[in-house]
Protein backbone atom coordinates (compact mmCIF):
# COMPACT_ATOMS: atom_id res chain seq x y z
CA MET A 1 -83.13 -68.87 -117.08
CA SER A 2 -84.12 -69.76 -113.60
CA ALA A 3 -83.16 -66.32 -112.38
CA VAL A 4 -85.24 -64.71 -115.14
CA ALA A 5 -88.17 -66.88 -114.32
CA THR A 6 -87.91 -66.05 -110.58
CA ASP A 7 -87.80 -62.32 -111.34
CA SER A 8 -90.78 -62.74 -113.59
CA ARG A 9 -92.85 -64.56 -110.77
CA GLN A 10 -91.78 -61.77 -108.24
CA SER A 11 -92.89 -59.12 -110.49
CA LEU A 12 -96.20 -60.80 -111.24
CA SER A 13 -96.78 -61.31 -107.43
CA ALA A 14 -96.00 -57.60 -106.93
CA ARG A 15 -98.36 -56.49 -109.63
CA THR A 16 -101.11 -58.75 -108.15
CA ALA A 17 -100.47 -57.34 -104.61
CA ASP A 18 -100.74 -53.90 -105.95
CA ARG A 19 -104.04 -54.71 -107.68
CA ARG A 20 -105.55 -56.10 -104.57
CA LEU A 21 -104.23 -53.07 -102.54
CA TRP A 22 -105.78 -50.51 -104.81
CA ARG A 23 -109.14 -52.52 -105.24
CA SER A 24 -109.30 -52.47 -101.42
CA ALA A 25 -108.56 -48.65 -101.48
CA LEU A 26 -111.29 -48.17 -104.05
CA VAL A 27 -113.77 -49.87 -101.75
CA LEU A 28 -112.70 -47.95 -98.84
CA LEU A 29 -113.00 -44.71 -100.68
CA ILE A 30 -116.52 -45.66 -101.70
CA ILE A 31 -117.54 -46.27 -98.01
CA LEU A 32 -115.84 -42.92 -96.96
CA GLU A 33 -117.54 -40.85 -99.70
CA CYS A 34 -120.93 -42.30 -98.72
CA ALA A 35 -120.26 -41.89 -94.90
CA PRO A 36 -121.29 -38.14 -94.83
CA PHE A 37 -124.76 -38.95 -96.26
CA TRP A 38 -125.35 -41.39 -93.26
CA ILE A 39 -123.42 -39.63 -90.43
CA PHE A 40 -125.30 -36.22 -90.85
CA PRO A 41 -129.08 -36.06 -90.73
CA TYR A 42 -129.16 -33.84 -93.81
CA PHE A 43 -127.21 -33.44 -97.04
CA PRO A 44 -126.62 -29.75 -97.85
CA SER A 45 -127.51 -29.35 -101.55
CA GLN A 46 -129.16 -26.38 -103.33
CA ASP A 47 -131.81 -28.10 -105.39
CA GLY A 48 -131.99 -31.35 -103.39
CA PRO A 49 -134.82 -30.06 -101.03
CA SER A 50 -136.98 -29.35 -104.10
CA HIS A 51 -136.35 -32.80 -105.55
CA LEU A 52 -137.48 -34.19 -102.29
CA HIS A 53 -140.62 -32.23 -102.34
CA ASN A 54 -141.46 -33.06 -105.86
CA ALA A 55 -140.65 -36.75 -105.31
CA SER A 56 -143.13 -36.75 -102.55
CA VAL A 57 -145.76 -35.30 -104.99
CA LEU A 58 -145.01 -37.93 -107.63
CA ALA A 59 -145.11 -40.69 -105.00
CA HIS A 60 -148.24 -39.60 -103.18
CA TYR A 61 -150.14 -37.69 -105.82
CA GLY A 62 -152.96 -40.22 -106.18
CA THR A 63 -153.82 -40.29 -102.52
CA THR A 64 -153.13 -36.68 -101.44
CA GLN A 65 -155.87 -34.07 -102.26
CA ILE A 66 -153.80 -30.98 -101.85
CA TYR A 67 -151.37 -32.33 -104.32
CA GLN A 68 -154.24 -32.91 -106.78
CA GLN A 69 -155.48 -29.40 -106.27
CA TYR A 70 -152.24 -27.51 -106.96
CA TYR A 71 -150.32 -29.71 -109.20
CA ARG A 72 -150.77 -31.88 -112.25
CA ILE A 73 -148.36 -34.67 -113.31
CA VAL A 74 -146.85 -34.96 -116.70
CA PRO A 75 -145.42 -38.47 -116.62
CA PHE A 76 -143.28 -38.14 -119.74
CA THR A 77 -141.46 -35.24 -121.26
CA PRO A 78 -139.38 -35.12 -124.35
CA ALA A 79 -136.63 -32.93 -122.81
CA GLY A 80 -135.32 -35.82 -120.68
CA ASN A 81 -134.02 -34.87 -117.29
CA MET A 82 -136.44 -37.09 -115.46
CA LEU A 83 -134.95 -40.47 -114.64
CA THR A 84 -133.79 -39.78 -111.07
CA GLN A 85 -137.01 -37.90 -110.37
CA PHE A 86 -138.87 -41.16 -110.76
CA LEU A 87 -136.17 -43.17 -109.10
CA LEU A 88 -136.29 -40.85 -106.01
CA ALA A 89 -140.17 -41.08 -106.16
CA ALA A 90 -140.16 -44.92 -106.11
CA ILE A 91 -137.82 -44.87 -102.99
CA VAL A 92 -139.99 -42.20 -101.34
CA LYS A 93 -143.01 -44.65 -101.66
CA VAL A 94 -141.33 -47.10 -99.20
CA ALA A 95 -138.95 -44.77 -97.31
CA GLU A 96 -139.31 -41.25 -95.67
CA PRO A 97 -137.72 -38.52 -97.88
CA PHE A 98 -134.40 -37.99 -96.01
CA LEU A 99 -133.69 -41.66 -96.06
CA ALA A 100 -134.57 -41.90 -99.74
CA GLU A 101 -132.07 -39.03 -100.46
CA LYS A 102 -129.37 -40.99 -98.50
CA LEU A 103 -130.04 -44.10 -100.63
CA LEU A 104 -130.07 -42.12 -103.95
CA LEU A 105 -126.83 -40.39 -103.24
CA SER A 106 -125.12 -43.52 -101.96
CA SER A 107 -126.18 -45.38 -105.23
CA TYR A 108 -124.68 -42.58 -107.29
CA ILE A 109 -121.34 -42.69 -105.49
CA ILE A 110 -121.21 -46.52 -105.98
CA LEU A 111 -122.28 -46.17 -109.61
CA PHE A 112 -119.82 -43.56 -110.43
CA PHE A 113 -116.82 -45.53 -108.99
CA VAL A 114 -117.96 -48.91 -110.76
CA SER A 115 -118.57 -47.11 -114.06
CA PHE A 116 -115.20 -45.36 -114.07
CA LEU A 117 -113.41 -48.51 -113.23
CA TYR A 118 -115.42 -50.32 -116.04
CA LEU A 119 -114.32 -47.73 -118.50
CA LEU A 120 -110.74 -47.96 -117.40
CA ARG A 121 -110.53 -51.84 -117.79
CA GLY A 122 -111.54 -51.39 -121.29
CA LEU A 123 -108.52 -49.05 -121.84
CA THR A 124 -105.63 -50.16 -119.70
CA PRO A 125 -104.33 -52.99 -117.63
CA HIS A 126 -103.60 -50.32 -114.90
CA ALA A 127 -107.23 -49.67 -114.24
CA ASP A 128 -107.24 -50.52 -110.55
CA HIS A 129 -104.56 -48.06 -109.89
CA PHE A 130 -106.37 -45.19 -111.80
CA ALA A 131 -109.85 -45.99 -110.51
CA VAL A 132 -109.22 -44.20 -107.24
CA TRP A 133 -109.35 -40.96 -109.11
CA ALA A 134 -113.16 -41.44 -108.91
CA GLY A 135 -112.78 -40.36 -105.27
CA ILE A 136 -111.93 -36.82 -106.51
CA PHE A 137 -114.39 -36.52 -109.29
CA ALA A 138 -117.51 -38.10 -107.94
CA PRO A 139 -118.26 -35.66 -105.02
CA ASN A 140 -118.34 -32.70 -107.37
CA TRP A 141 -120.14 -29.26 -107.37
CA PHE A 142 -122.98 -30.80 -109.46
CA VAL A 143 -123.84 -33.26 -106.53
CA TYR A 144 -123.90 -30.28 -103.95
CA MET A 145 -125.95 -28.21 -106.41
CA GLY A 146 -128.53 -31.05 -106.61
CA PHE A 147 -128.14 -31.56 -110.35
CA TRP A 148 -128.55 -35.25 -109.70
CA ASN A 149 -129.89 -36.22 -113.08
CA PHE A 150 -126.68 -34.91 -114.70
CA SER A 151 -124.54 -36.66 -112.09
CA PHE A 152 -126.21 -40.13 -112.73
CA SER A 153 -125.94 -39.45 -116.50
CA VAL A 154 -122.05 -39.07 -116.12
CA ALA A 155 -121.91 -42.62 -114.68
CA PHE A 156 -124.20 -43.97 -117.36
CA LEU A 157 -121.99 -42.32 -120.05
CA LEU A 158 -118.91 -43.93 -118.61
CA LEU A 159 -120.48 -47.36 -118.65
CA THR A 160 -121.73 -46.81 -122.36
CA VAL A 161 -118.30 -45.60 -123.53
CA GLY A 162 -116.65 -48.63 -121.55
CA TYR A 163 -119.07 -50.97 -123.30
CA TYR A 164 -118.22 -49.53 -126.86
CA VAL A 165 -114.45 -49.45 -126.23
CA ARG A 166 -114.68 -53.20 -125.37
CA GLN A 167 -116.43 -54.00 -128.71
CA VAL A 168 -114.08 -51.83 -130.81
CA TRP A 169 -110.63 -51.94 -129.24
CA GLY A 170 -110.86 -55.47 -128.21
CA ASN A 171 -111.66 -56.55 -131.73
CA HIS A 172 -108.67 -56.58 -133.96
CA SER A 173 -110.38 -58.14 -137.00
CA GLU A 174 -113.17 -56.73 -139.08
CA ARG A 175 -116.70 -57.79 -138.13
CA ARG A 176 -120.18 -56.66 -138.06
CA TRP A 177 -122.20 -55.19 -135.23
CA THR A 178 -124.59 -57.78 -133.99
CA PRO A 179 -128.33 -56.67 -133.19
CA ARG A 180 -127.73 -57.38 -129.66
CA GLN A 181 -124.88 -54.97 -129.40
CA LEU A 182 -126.77 -52.28 -131.31
CA ILE A 183 -129.82 -52.77 -129.15
CA VAL A 184 -127.54 -52.34 -125.98
CA LEU A 185 -126.05 -49.09 -127.27
CA MET A 186 -129.59 -47.97 -128.40
CA SER A 187 -130.96 -48.54 -124.94
CA ALA A 188 -128.00 -46.86 -123.29
CA GLY A 189 -128.32 -43.82 -125.48
CA LEU A 190 -132.05 -43.43 -124.49
CA ILE A 191 -131.22 -43.95 -120.84
CA ILE A 192 -128.42 -41.36 -121.07
CA TYR A 193 -130.75 -38.83 -122.78
CA MET A 194 -133.71 -39.33 -120.43
CA THR A 195 -131.21 -38.62 -117.58
CA HIS A 196 -129.42 -35.52 -119.22
CA ALA A 197 -129.21 -34.31 -122.73
CA VAL A 198 -125.73 -32.89 -122.38
CA SER A 199 -124.36 -36.17 -121.45
CA TRP A 200 -126.07 -37.83 -124.38
CA VAL A 201 -124.57 -35.33 -126.80
CA VAL A 202 -121.03 -35.96 -125.23
CA CYS A 203 -121.66 -39.73 -125.55
CA ILE A 204 -122.11 -39.42 -129.30
CA ILE A 205 -119.07 -37.43 -129.66
CA ALA A 206 -117.03 -39.99 -127.67
CA VAL A 207 -118.22 -42.88 -129.76
CA ALA A 208 -117.55 -41.07 -132.99
CA SER A 209 -113.96 -40.08 -131.71
CA LEU A 210 -112.94 -43.54 -130.28
CA GLY A 211 -114.15 -45.43 -133.31
CA PHE A 212 -112.55 -43.08 -135.98
CA PRO A 213 -108.93 -44.57 -135.46
CA LYS A 214 -110.32 -47.95 -136.12
CA LEU A 215 -112.03 -46.85 -139.31
CA MET A 216 -108.85 -45.03 -140.49
CA SER A 217 -106.66 -48.09 -139.88
CA THR A 218 -109.03 -50.31 -141.75
CA VAL A 219 -109.16 -48.01 -144.59
CA LEU A 220 -105.48 -47.31 -144.82
CA SER A 221 -104.57 -51.05 -144.61
CA ARG A 222 -106.74 -51.86 -147.61
CA GLY A 223 -104.05 -53.83 -149.53
CA THR A 224 -105.08 -54.25 -152.98
CA SER A 225 -108.55 -52.72 -152.51
CA SER A 226 -109.38 -49.28 -153.64
CA PHE A 227 -109.75 -46.50 -151.19
CA VAL A 228 -113.37 -46.02 -151.91
CA ARG A 229 -114.16 -49.75 -151.71
CA SER A 230 -112.37 -50.08 -148.27
CA ALA A 231 -114.01 -46.99 -147.03
CA ARG A 232 -117.56 -48.32 -147.94
CA ARG A 233 -116.69 -51.56 -146.19
CA ALA A 234 -115.30 -50.05 -142.99
CA ALA A 235 -117.80 -47.08 -142.59
CA PRO A 236 -120.77 -49.10 -141.44
CA TYR A 237 -118.75 -50.47 -138.58
CA TRP A 238 -118.15 -46.79 -137.43
CA LEU A 239 -121.55 -45.44 -138.23
CA LEU A 240 -123.87 -47.95 -136.99
CA PRO A 241 -123.18 -47.40 -133.19
CA ILE A 242 -123.53 -43.74 -133.73
CA CYS A 243 -126.85 -44.25 -135.33
CA ALA A 244 -127.98 -46.53 -132.58
CA LEU A 245 -127.25 -43.64 -130.16
CA LEU A 246 -129.34 -41.25 -132.17
CA LEU A 247 -132.67 -42.58 -131.35
CA PRO A 248 -133.35 -39.64 -128.94
CA VAL A 249 -133.09 -37.30 -131.85
CA VAL A 250 -136.94 -37.76 -132.29
CA LEU A 251 -137.40 -36.56 -128.69
CA VAL A 252 -135.09 -33.62 -129.24
CA VAL A 253 -137.09 -32.51 -132.36
CA ALA A 254 -140.31 -33.05 -130.43
CA ASN A 255 -139.21 -31.03 -127.48
CA ALA A 256 -137.81 -28.22 -129.78
CA ALA A 257 -141.29 -28.12 -131.54
CA ARG A 258 -143.28 -27.66 -128.31
CA SER A 259 -140.79 -25.89 -126.19
CA HIS A 260 -141.33 -21.99 -125.40
CA GLU A 261 -138.39 -21.79 -123.11
CA ILE A 262 -136.14 -18.71 -123.52
CA SER A 263 -132.40 -19.14 -122.82
CA VAL A 264 -131.44 -18.14 -119.33
CA CYS A 265 -128.13 -16.72 -120.72
CA SER A 266 -129.79 -14.49 -123.32
CA GLY A 267 -127.70 -11.42 -123.71
CA GLN A 268 -124.86 -12.65 -121.65
CA SER A 269 -121.22 -12.83 -122.91
CA PHE A 270 -118.19 -14.52 -121.18
CA PRO A 271 -114.63 -13.54 -121.85
CA PHE A 272 -112.31 -16.08 -123.23
CA ARG A 273 -110.10 -16.16 -120.21
CA ASP A 274 -113.17 -16.77 -117.98
CA ARG A 275 -114.35 -19.74 -120.24
CA LEU A 276 -110.94 -21.19 -120.22
CA TRP A 277 -110.76 -20.71 -116.46
CA LEU A 278 -113.65 -23.13 -116.11
CA VAL A 279 -111.42 -25.86 -117.55
CA TYR A 280 -108.04 -25.46 -116.16
CA SER A 281 -109.23 -24.54 -112.68
CA LEU A 282 -111.35 -27.73 -112.17
CA SER A 283 -114.02 -25.29 -110.98
CA PHE A 284 -116.40 -28.26 -110.86
CA LEU A 285 -114.74 -29.37 -107.78
CA HIS A 286 -115.38 -26.08 -105.89
CA THR A 287 -118.20 -27.00 -103.52
CA LEU A 288 -118.63 -26.07 -99.80
CA GLY A 289 -115.09 -26.09 -98.28
CA GLY A 290 -112.90 -23.09 -98.46
CA SER A 291 -110.02 -25.27 -99.23
CA ASP A 292 -111.55 -26.74 -102.35
CA VAL A 293 -109.83 -24.26 -104.60
CA ALA A 294 -106.34 -25.03 -103.16
CA LEU A 295 -107.07 -28.66 -103.45
CA SER A 296 -108.04 -28.31 -107.16
CA LYS A 297 -104.75 -26.82 -107.73
CA VAL A 298 -103.14 -29.78 -106.15
CA VAL A 299 -105.15 -32.17 -108.39
CA ALA A 300 -104.08 -30.23 -111.51
CA MET A 301 -100.61 -30.39 -110.46
CA VAL A 302 -100.60 -34.19 -109.82
CA VAL A 303 -102.28 -34.56 -113.26
CA PHE A 304 -99.60 -32.45 -114.77
CA MET A 305 -96.85 -34.59 -113.18
CA GLY A 306 -98.33 -37.70 -114.62
CA LEU A 307 -98.71 -36.08 -118.09
CA THR A 308 -95.05 -35.06 -118.01
CA TRP A 309 -93.94 -38.48 -116.99
CA ALA A 310 -95.99 -40.01 -119.78
CA ALA A 311 -94.55 -37.62 -122.33
CA ALA A 312 -90.94 -38.25 -121.15
CA VAL A 313 -91.37 -41.96 -121.32
CA THR A 314 -92.92 -41.68 -124.79
CA LEU A 315 -90.06 -39.54 -126.16
CA TRP A 316 -87.17 -41.23 -124.42
CA HIS A 317 -88.19 -44.93 -124.65
CA ARG A 318 -90.44 -44.69 -127.73
CA GLN A 319 -93.30 -46.39 -125.80
CA TYR A 320 -96.71 -45.36 -126.57
CA ASN A 321 -100.11 -46.92 -126.96
CA TRP A 322 -101.39 -45.30 -130.07
CA HIS A 323 -104.91 -46.47 -129.39
CA SER A 324 -105.02 -43.93 -126.49
CA ALA A 325 -104.50 -40.92 -128.86
CA ALA A 326 -108.31 -41.25 -129.50
CA ILE A 327 -108.99 -40.63 -125.87
CA LEU A 328 -106.65 -37.60 -125.79
CA GLY A 329 -108.43 -36.23 -128.93
CA LEU A 330 -111.80 -36.72 -127.17
CA SER A 331 -110.49 -34.83 -124.10
CA LEU A 332 -109.26 -31.94 -126.29
CA THR A 333 -112.63 -31.91 -128.15
CA CYS A 334 -114.48 -31.56 -124.90
CA VAL A 335 -112.05 -28.75 -123.95
CA ILE A 336 -112.91 -26.98 -127.36
CA ILE A 337 -116.65 -27.32 -126.55
CA ALA A 338 -116.22 -26.06 -123.04
CA VAL A 339 -114.34 -23.01 -124.14
CA ALA A 340 -116.16 -22.10 -127.35
CA GLY A 341 -119.68 -23.76 -127.11
CA PRO A 342 -122.68 -22.23 -125.52
CA ASP A 343 -123.20 -22.16 -121.86
CA CYS A 344 -127.01 -22.34 -121.99
CA VAL A 345 -129.60 -24.17 -124.20
CA GLY A 346 -132.96 -22.98 -123.19
CA THR A 347 -133.25 -23.12 -119.51
CA GLY A 348 -130.49 -25.74 -119.35
CA SER A 349 -127.45 -23.94 -117.88
CA PHE A 350 -123.78 -24.67 -116.95
CA VAL A 351 -123.18 -26.49 -120.23
CA ARG A 352 -119.47 -25.51 -120.40
CA LEU A 353 -118.87 -26.65 -116.88
CA ARG A 354 -120.58 -29.97 -117.53
CA VAL A 355 -118.42 -30.64 -120.56
CA ALA A 356 -115.26 -29.57 -118.64
CA LEU A 357 -115.83 -32.36 -116.16
CA PHE A 358 -115.94 -34.91 -119.11
CA ALA A 359 -112.67 -33.38 -120.42
CA TRP A 360 -110.81 -34.16 -117.21
CA LEU A 361 -112.34 -37.62 -116.96
CA PHE A 362 -111.18 -38.57 -120.37
CA LEU A 363 -107.84 -37.01 -119.58
CA ILE A 364 -107.37 -39.38 -116.75
CA GLY A 365 -108.52 -42.27 -119.03
CA TRP A 366 -105.69 -41.03 -121.59
CA LEU A 367 -103.16 -40.87 -118.89
CA ALA A 368 -104.06 -44.44 -117.72
CA SER A 369 -103.81 -45.91 -121.16
CA ALA A 370 -101.09 -43.82 -122.86
CA LEU A 371 -98.22 -46.08 -121.77
CA PRO A 372 -97.98 -49.93 -122.35
CA LYS A 373 -95.98 -50.31 -118.99
CA TRP A 374 -95.98 -47.98 -116.09
CA PRO A 375 -93.13 -48.27 -113.48
CA ARG A 376 -94.50 -49.67 -110.21
CA TRP A 377 -93.39 -46.84 -108.21
CA ALA A 378 -95.07 -44.15 -110.56
CA LEU A 379 -98.34 -46.02 -110.59
CA ASN A 380 -98.33 -46.29 -106.67
CA GLY A 381 -97.17 -42.86 -106.27
CA LEU A 382 -99.91 -41.32 -108.40
CA SER A 383 -102.59 -43.48 -106.91
CA SER A 384 -101.35 -42.62 -103.33
CA CYS A 385 -101.44 -38.85 -104.01
CA CYS A 386 -104.90 -39.23 -105.48
CA CYS A 387 -106.16 -41.04 -102.46
CA GLY A 388 -104.53 -38.44 -100.16
CA ILE A 389 -106.28 -35.65 -101.98
CA ALA A 390 -109.55 -37.30 -101.99
CA LEU A 391 -109.34 -37.94 -98.09
CA ILE A 392 -108.18 -34.43 -97.34
CA THR A 393 -111.01 -32.95 -99.59
CA LEU A 394 -113.50 -35.17 -97.62
CA VAL A 395 -112.17 -34.19 -94.27
CA SER A 396 -112.04 -30.46 -95.21
CA ARG A 397 -115.73 -30.39 -96.08
CA VAL A 398 -116.96 -31.98 -92.73
CA PRO A 399 -116.87 -28.74 -90.57
CA MET A 400 -119.02 -26.80 -93.24
CA VAL A 401 -121.40 -29.94 -93.71
CA ALA A 402 -121.73 -29.90 -89.80
CA GLU A 403 -122.35 -26.10 -89.57
CA LEU A 404 -125.05 -26.35 -92.32
CA ASN A 405 -126.74 -29.17 -90.76
CA GLU A 406 -127.42 -26.96 -87.76
CA GLY A 407 -129.36 -24.53 -89.99
CA LEU A 408 -131.00 -27.43 -91.83
CA SER A 409 -132.08 -28.81 -88.41
CA ASP A 410 -133.63 -25.39 -87.42
CA ILE A 411 -135.54 -25.49 -90.72
CA VAL A 412 -136.98 -28.81 -90.02
CA LYS A 413 -138.06 -27.72 -86.47
CA ILE A 414 -139.87 -24.76 -87.94
CA GLY A 415 -141.61 -27.15 -90.27
CA GLU A 416 -143.14 -28.99 -87.11
CA SER A 417 -145.34 -25.88 -86.78
CA VAL A 418 -146.73 -26.21 -90.34
CA ARG A 419 -150.18 -27.93 -90.59
CA PRO A 420 -150.44 -30.81 -93.00
CA ASN A 421 -152.31 -30.03 -96.33
CA SER A 422 -151.21 -26.40 -96.25
CA THR A 423 -149.48 -24.15 -98.81
CA VAL A 424 -146.18 -22.41 -97.88
CA LEU A 425 -144.49 -19.44 -99.48
CA VAL A 426 -140.67 -19.25 -98.65
CA LEU A 427 -139.21 -15.78 -99.22
CA CYS A 428 -135.52 -14.72 -98.65
CA LEU A 429 -135.02 -11.20 -97.37
CA GLY A 430 -131.07 -11.46 -97.53
CA ARG A 431 -129.18 -14.32 -99.01
CA GLN A 432 -125.60 -15.38 -98.12
CA LYS A 433 -123.03 -15.28 -100.90
CA ARG A 434 -122.22 -19.02 -101.49
CA ASP A 435 -121.32 -21.01 -104.50
CA VAL A 436 -123.84 -23.51 -103.21
CA ASP A 437 -126.92 -22.37 -101.20
CA PRO A 438 -128.67 -25.29 -99.38
CA PHE A 439 -131.40 -22.97 -98.15
CA ARG A 440 -132.53 -21.55 -101.46
CA HIS A 441 -135.28 -24.19 -101.80
CA LEU A 442 -135.80 -24.98 -98.12
CA ALA A 443 -139.54 -25.66 -98.31
CA GLY A 444 -138.71 -29.28 -99.21
CA LEU A 445 -137.05 -29.61 -95.86
CA LEU A 446 -139.96 -28.20 -93.70
CA THR A 447 -141.91 -31.52 -93.11
CA PRO A 448 -142.46 -34.93 -94.57
CA ARG A 449 -146.07 -34.22 -94.34
CA ALA A 450 -148.13 -33.05 -97.54
CA ILE A 451 -147.60 -29.29 -98.11
CA VAL A 452 -147.40 -27.29 -101.38
CA ASP A 453 -144.31 -25.21 -102.12
CA LEU A 454 -145.74 -22.01 -103.80
CA ASN A 455 -142.20 -21.09 -104.76
CA ASN A 456 -141.62 -24.53 -106.38
CA TYR A 457 -139.40 -23.61 -109.44
CA GLU A 458 -139.72 -27.17 -110.87
CA ALA A 459 -143.50 -26.87 -111.30
CA SER A 460 -142.80 -23.93 -113.63
CA LEU A 461 -140.33 -25.64 -116.06
CA GLU A 462 -141.13 -27.85 -118.86
CA TYR A 463 -138.61 -30.57 -118.32
CA PHE A 464 -140.03 -31.51 -114.92
CA SER A 465 -142.86 -33.86 -114.31
CA THR A 466 -144.64 -31.81 -111.63
CA ARG A 467 -146.62 -28.65 -112.99
CA PHE A 468 -148.85 -26.15 -111.22
CA GLN A 469 -152.57 -26.31 -111.93
CA THR A 470 -153.31 -23.38 -114.18
CA ASP A 471 -156.01 -21.89 -111.92
CA ARG A 472 -153.64 -22.17 -108.92
CA SER A 473 -150.10 -21.36 -110.38
CA PRO A 474 -148.44 -18.64 -108.38
CA TYR A 475 -146.83 -17.28 -111.57
CA PRO A 476 -147.36 -14.48 -112.25
CA ALA A 477 -150.25 -13.59 -109.91
CA LEU A 478 -148.15 -13.91 -106.85
CA GLY A 479 -145.08 -12.85 -108.61
CA THR A 480 -142.86 -13.88 -111.39
CA MET A 481 -140.16 -16.58 -110.50
CA ARG A 482 -137.47 -13.85 -110.68
CA GLU A 483 -139.37 -11.57 -108.39
CA LEU A 484 -140.04 -14.31 -105.75
CA GLU A 485 -136.36 -15.38 -105.79
CA GLU A 486 -134.95 -11.84 -105.46
CA ALA A 487 -133.60 -10.72 -102.20
CA PRO A 488 -135.62 -8.76 -101.07
CA PRO A 489 -138.62 -10.47 -102.91
CA VAL A 490 -141.45 -8.81 -104.75
CA PHE A 491 -144.89 -10.52 -104.22
CA ASP A 492 -148.52 -9.90 -103.82
CA ILE A 493 -150.51 -12.36 -101.79
CA THR A 494 -153.92 -10.35 -102.16
CA ARG A 495 -153.53 -10.36 -105.96
CA TYR A 496 -152.79 -14.16 -105.98
CA GLU A 497 -155.80 -15.12 -103.91
CA LYS A 498 -158.05 -12.84 -105.74
CA GLU A 499 -157.06 -13.87 -109.31
CA THR A 500 -156.71 -17.61 -108.80
CA ALA A 501 -158.30 -20.32 -106.64
CA GLY A 502 -155.03 -20.66 -104.66
CA ARG A 503 -154.35 -19.65 -101.03
CA VAL A 504 -151.23 -18.73 -98.92
CA ASP A 505 -151.43 -20.43 -95.59
CA TYR A 506 -147.93 -19.82 -94.23
CA VAL A 507 -145.23 -17.32 -95.19
CA LEU A 508 -141.74 -18.24 -94.12
CA PHE A 509 -139.04 -15.51 -94.15
CA TYR A 510 -135.45 -16.18 -93.76
CA CYS A 511 -132.38 -13.76 -93.84
CA SER A 512 -128.69 -14.55 -93.63
CA ASN A 513 -126.36 -13.09 -91.09
CA ASP A 514 -124.53 -11.13 -93.82
CA SER A 515 -127.34 -8.45 -93.91
CA GLY A 516 -126.74 -7.63 -90.30
CA GLY A 517 -130.49 -7.80 -89.38
CA ALA A 518 -131.36 -5.31 -92.22
CA GLY A 519 -133.43 -7.98 -93.93
CA MET A 520 -135.88 -8.62 -91.12
CA LYS A 521 -136.44 -4.84 -90.66
CA LEU A 522 -138.09 -4.94 -94.18
CA LEU A 523 -141.08 -6.58 -92.34
CA GLN A 524 -141.59 -3.26 -90.55
CA SER A 525 -141.96 -1.50 -93.93
CA GLU A 526 -145.46 -0.54 -95.13
CA LEU A 527 -145.22 -2.79 -98.24
CA TYR A 528 -144.29 -5.90 -96.20
CA ARG A 529 -146.54 -5.17 -93.23
CA ARG A 530 -149.52 -4.92 -95.50
CA GLN A 531 -148.69 -8.29 -97.24
CA ILE A 532 -148.67 -10.19 -93.90
CA ALA A 533 -151.45 -8.17 -92.23
CA GLY A 534 -153.67 -11.31 -92.07
CA TYR A 535 -150.95 -13.46 -90.53
CA ALA A 536 -149.63 -14.12 -87.02
CA LEU A 537 -146.00 -14.98 -86.18
CA VAL A 538 -146.00 -18.66 -85.45
CA ARG A 539 -142.41 -19.56 -84.71
CA ALA A 540 -139.07 -17.72 -84.94
CA SER A 541 -135.44 -18.90 -84.69
CA HIS A 542 -131.99 -18.07 -85.48
CA SER A 543 -128.82 -20.03 -86.38
CA ARG A 544 -125.37 -19.07 -87.57
CA SER A 545 -125.65 -20.76 -90.95
CA VAL A 546 -129.10 -20.01 -92.22
CA GLY A 547 -129.56 -16.65 -90.06
CA ASP A 548 -133.03 -15.52 -88.97
CA LEU A 549 -136.17 -17.54 -89.62
CA ARG A 550 -139.84 -16.26 -89.16
CA LEU A 551 -142.75 -18.40 -89.96
CA TYR A 552 -146.10 -16.42 -90.16
CA GLY A 553 -149.39 -18.47 -90.40
CA ARG A 554 -152.83 -17.34 -91.45
CA SER A 555 -154.42 -15.73 -88.46
CA PRO A 556 -157.74 -17.46 -87.42
CA ALA A 557 -159.45 -14.14 -86.95
CA GLY A 558 -158.21 -12.87 -90.37
CA VAL A 559 -156.38 -9.91 -88.83
CA GLY A 560 -152.90 -9.64 -87.75
CA GLU A 561 -152.23 -6.11 -86.63
CA ARG A 562 -149.95 -7.50 -83.76
CA THR A 563 -147.75 -9.12 -86.36
CA GLY A 564 -146.61 -5.78 -87.58
CA ALA A 565 -144.85 -5.16 -84.32
CA GLN A 566 -142.81 -8.42 -84.48
């Protein structure tokens, strides 16, 4: 007995030491994932610059005349997708935009890690080992694309599902939902919807899926009660939390009634193989680094090894946590939606890719909870592989982030020549082929001073809070959004200034190195020469990442024949 007690104490001591080790590793990963935000001056994201510009509009609208002239503010939109806009605007009120961006992204990383750990602790005693997987999934494609509302909504969903699991799985006897619990779920559902609608729908599916086994076990263990009576008694415990999450349905209906959006995927069809590829390739991890594809394959291989081990133990030792089957079913449901569901709803796109991310997150949750006991070497081995992949991925992206920062710095220097209270039209003459293009909305990087981005795509969409004033909107007088974003673009400054009360003070052309200089030669063409006839070249630069940059400003004399020879 003494030997058994000694072995038990040693085993407990080893498990405690492991938990401390992986908690420390989790904290270290959080610090390392946040480090690039603070080491480099700028974070290269595609929509991030536009978010910074519109956050400045929201933060300083009441005191800035040019914002009031060109924009109007819609404080609330029933489409959701607005929480981080106001969060970023609140930070911009007390900090300069680039610092606000660093604070926002750092808070996202911390929230993602904490929420994933919170969910896992409701599922498994091995949460500290598996929580380090957040180091792989947190810095994903959506973050680099600037889809920050969706990124935050993922963390909020994990917190909500973690809360629900604690109430249901931790309760082995029948009891009613308290008003306090339902209010928590109702508030969580509203927050998730106001951040992003896709995550809200997945949250409802998650709650329904995870609560269904509890419903069935209650009904099937009815004893002497009839099936119908047992079902009636158990159904409210399953339905009430789902109903609590359905509060935003009112907003969905209101948005559908007033929306005039046309699906951006109209007429598009995707082969089954391509849709399946979105899931199994972990394409949501493909960001800036050229090695992301290879590292995604390594991640898939490590997960497959874990799944193989769990299956082998289940079959050989008959050890399985049947509660976890609901998590696996939820993951498979997300796979089905990602493959068979729509990719666009209105102007909301990449629905399949978003759901694919949830499928993998829930798969890791199932892997963590499938076995009642994991061998110590297996747990430590999986966690070590995960940390290694996260670190290699982080390091592999650093050279590209550094290179892109050179181009972003050039853009900021160009912005020093832009006068405050001016309007700027940014046009691309030749775009580089990147999965993530951090220069697509570069007007938000030009200057922290008050300017108006005439190519502000957010101000033309119904689910953002900044909108163009009707008499100054560039669409369609200056050109449609598609025409302005084409490379080369189609635009008409004269028509815009004649038909609206707006003006174009600066035109910034940029062209990638991929075009071999052919893009800038368009400025010599008759069409473009007439467009910028009243402008003079203010500043020009060239960098290996962004390519050529040329800023033209309104000529004081109103003529600009000399600019045609530039």
